[in-house]
C-alpha atoms as a PDB file:
ATOM      1  CA  MET A   1       7.467  -9.295   4.315  1.00  0.00           C
ATOM      2  CA  VAL A   2       9.855 -10.663   6.791  1.00  0.00           C
ATOM      3  CA  ASP A   3       8.430 -13.701   8.548  1.00  0.00           C
ATOM      4  CA  LEU A   4       6.929 -12.548  11.799  1.00  0.00           C
ATOM      5  CA  PRO A   5       6.421 -15.120  14.581  1.00  0.00           C
ATOM      6  CA  VAL A   6       2.716 -15.783  15.084  1.00  0.00           C
ATOM      7  CA  THR A   7       3.461 -16.480  18.746  1.00  0.00           C
ATOM      8  CA  GLU A   8       4.243 -12.862  19.473  1.00  0.00           C
ATOM      9  CA  LYS A   9       1.295 -10.526  20.117  1.00  0.00           C
ATOM     10  CA  SER A  10       3.014  -7.515  18.532  1.00  0.00           C
ATOM     11  CA  SER A  11       3.639  -9.517  15.356  1.00  0.00           C
ATOM     12  CA  ARG A  12       0.028 -10.585  15.142  1.00  0.00           C
ATOM     13  CA  GLN A  13      -1.085  -6.989  15.637  1.00  0.00           C
ATOM     14  CA  LEU A  14       1.247  -5.721  12.928  1.00  0.00           C
ATOM     15  CA  ARG A  15      -0.061  -8.410  10.455  1.00  0.00           C
ATOM     16  CA  ARG A  16      -3.638  -7.348  11.238  1.00  0.00           C
ATOM     17  CA  ALA A  17      -2.766  -3.674  10.756  1.00  0.00           C
ATOM     18  CA  ILE A  18      -1.119  -4.285   7.439  1.00  0.00           C
ATOM     19  CA  PHE A  19      -3.542  -6.798   5.932  1.00  0.00           C
ATOM     20  CA  SER A  20      -6.856  -5.813   7.425  1.00  0.00           C
ATOM     21  CA  GLY A  21      -7.711  -3.510   4.572  1.00  0.00           C
ATOM     22  CA  ALA A  22      -6.529  -5.788   1.822  1.00  0.00           C
ATOM     23  CA  VAL A  23      -9.049  -7.336  -0.596  1.00  0.00           C
ATOM     24  CA  ASP A  24      -8.748  -9.886  -3.357  1.00  0.00           C
ATOM     25  CA  SER A  25     -10.106  -8.534  -6.627  1.00  0.00           C
ATOM     26  CA  LYS A  26     -10.703  -9.928 -10.025  1.00  0.00           C
ATOM     27  CA  LEU A  27     -11.139  -7.997 -13.241  1.00  0.00           C
ATOM     28  CA  ASP A  28     -14.693  -7.364 -14.266  1.00  0.00           C
ATOM     29  CA  SER A  29     -15.999  -8.105 -17.825  1.00  0.00           C
ATOM     30  CA  ALA A  30     -14.658  -4.731 -18.976  1.00  0.00           C
ATOM     31  CA  GLY A  31     -11.158  -5.409 -17.556  1.00  0.00           C
ATOM     32  CA  ARG A  32     -11.530  -3.116 -14.620  1.00  0.00           C
ATOM     33  CA  ILE A  33     -10.468  -3.699 -11.025  1.00  0.00           C
ATOM     34  CA  PRO A  34     -13.298  -2.975  -8.582  1.00  0.00           C
ATOM     35  CA  ILE A  35     -12.071  -1.069  -5.586  1.00  0.00           C
ATOM     36  CA  PRO A  36     -14.265  -0.914  -2.433  1.00  0.00           C
ATOM     37  CA  GLU A  37     -15.380   2.530  -1.327  1.00  0.00           C
ATOM     38  CA  ASN A  38     -13.401   2.446   1.918  1.00  0.00           C
ATOM     39  CA  LEU A  39     -10.206   1.803   0.038  1.00  0.00           C
ATOM     40  CA  ARG A  40     -10.989   4.535  -2.536  1.00  0.00           C
ATOM     41  CA  GLU A  41     -11.376   6.946   0.283  1.00  0.00           C
ATOM     42  CA  TYR A  42      -8.134   5.763   2.030  1.00  0.00           C
ATOM     43  CA  SER A  43      -6.097   6.065  -1.149  1.00  0.00           C
ATOM     44  CA  GLU A  44      -7.897   9.304  -2.165  1.00  0.00           C
ATOM     45  CA  ILE A  45      -8.975   7.920  -5.516  1.00  0.00           C
ATOM     46  CA  ASP A  46     -11.784   9.807  -7.138  1.00  0.00           C
ATOM     47  CA  ILE A  47     -13.766   8.977 -10.294  1.00  0.00           C
ATOM     48  CA  ASN A  48     -12.083  11.648 -12.471  1.00  0.00           C
ATOM     49  CA  GLY A  49      -8.605  11.450 -10.924  1.00  0.00           C
ATOM     50  CA  GLU A  50      -5.360   9.888 -12.099  1.00  0.00           C
ATOM     51  CA  VAL A  51      -4.120   6.767 -10.315  1.00  0.00           C
ATOM     52  CA  THR A  52      -0.740   5.128  -9.794  1.00  0.00           C
ATOM     53  CA  VAL A  53      -0.373   1.373  -9.645  1.00  0.00           C
ATOM     54  CA  THR A  54       2.661   0.108  -7.832  1.00  0.00           C
ATOM     55  CA  GLY A  55       3.999  -3.394  -6.897  1.00  0.00           C
ATOM     56  CA  ILE A  56       4.725  -4.369  -3.347  1.00  0.00           C
ATOM     57  CA  GLY A  57       5.919  -7.958  -2.974  1.00  0.00           C
ATOM     58  CA  ASN A  58       3.288 -10.254  -4.529  1.00  0.00           C
ATOM     59  CA  ALA A  59       0.562  -7.623  -4.460  1.00  0.00           C
ATOM     60  CA  ILE A  60      -0.266  -4.300  -6.050  1.00  0.00           C
ATOM     61  CA  GLU A  61      -1.326  -1.028  -4.576  1.00  0.00           C
ATOM     62  CA  ILE A  62      -3.467   1.544  -6.327  1.00  0.00           C
ATOM     63  CA  TRP A  63      -3.318   5.167  -5.136  1.00  0.00           C
ATOM     64  CA  SER A  64      -4.422   8.510  -6.399  1.00  0.00           C
ATOM     65  CA  THR A  65      -1.367   9.951  -8.117  1.00  0.00           C
ATOM     66  CA  LYS A  66      -1.453  12.933  -5.820  1.00  0.00           C
ATOM     67  CA  MET A  67      -1.400  10.712  -2.710  1.00  0.00           C
ATOM     68  CA  TRP A  68       1.308   8.480  -4.228  1.00  0.00           C
ATOM     69  CA  LYS A  69       3.555  11.501  -4.805  1.00  0.00           C
ATOM     70  CA  LYS A  70       3.097  12.484  -1.194  1.00  0.00           C
ATOM     71  CA  ILE A  71       3.991   8.964  -0.043  1.00  0.00           C
ATOM     72  CA  GLN A  72       7.068   9.022  -2.275  1.00  0.00           C
ATOM     73  CA  ASN A  73       8.153  12.435  -1.002  1.00  0.00           C
ATOM     74  CA  ASP A  74       7.714  11.273   2.619  1.00  0.00           C
ATOM     75  CA  ALA A  75       9.740   8.124   1.839  1.00  0.00           C
ATOM     76  CA  ASP A  76      12.495  10.187   0.128  1.00  0.00           C
ATOM     77  CA  TYR A  77      12.710  12.358   3.198  1.00  0.00           C
ATOM     78  CA  GLU A  78      12.900   9.343   5.537  1.00  0.00           C
ATOM     79  CA  PHE A  79      15.503   7.600   3.377  1.00  0.00           C
ATOM     80  CA  ALA A  80      17.659  10.749   3.183  1.00  0.00           C
ATOM     81  CA  ASN A  81      17.892  10.668   6.974  1.00  0.00           C
ATOM     82  CA  ILE A  82      19.086   7.041   7.226  1.00  0.00           C
ATOM     83  CA  ASN A  83      22.764   6.803   7.985  1.00  0.00           C
ATOM     84  CA  GLU A  84      24.703   4.507   5.679  1.00  0.00           C
ATOM     85  CA  VAL A  85      26.138   1.423   7.300  1.00  0.00           C
ATOM     86  CA  LYS A  86      29.768   1.053   6.310  1.00  0.00           C
ATOM     87  CA  GLY A  87      31.349  -2.374   6.492  1.00  0.00           C
END
C-alpha cells in the first residue's frame, strides 16, 4: 500500500477501514487456517463451499470462489473503463 501520512485524518480513516477486519492466523495442528465467523460471513465462505486464496501485498485473502468471481468481474468492468495514459 502506498504510504499514507498518519497526520491526515482521511489517511487514518482509510487505514482503519482497510485493516480493521484483518486478523493474524496460524495453521492449526491439522494444517488449517482458522477464519473468524465475521470474516467467513463477509467473504461468503460456507463449510461445504469452494474457496479462492489470493495474494495481496504481504498478506493473503480467502474468499468464497463465487464471491471472488464477482469481485474479479467488478474489477474487470472498472479496469475496462480506465482510459489509457499515453506518454
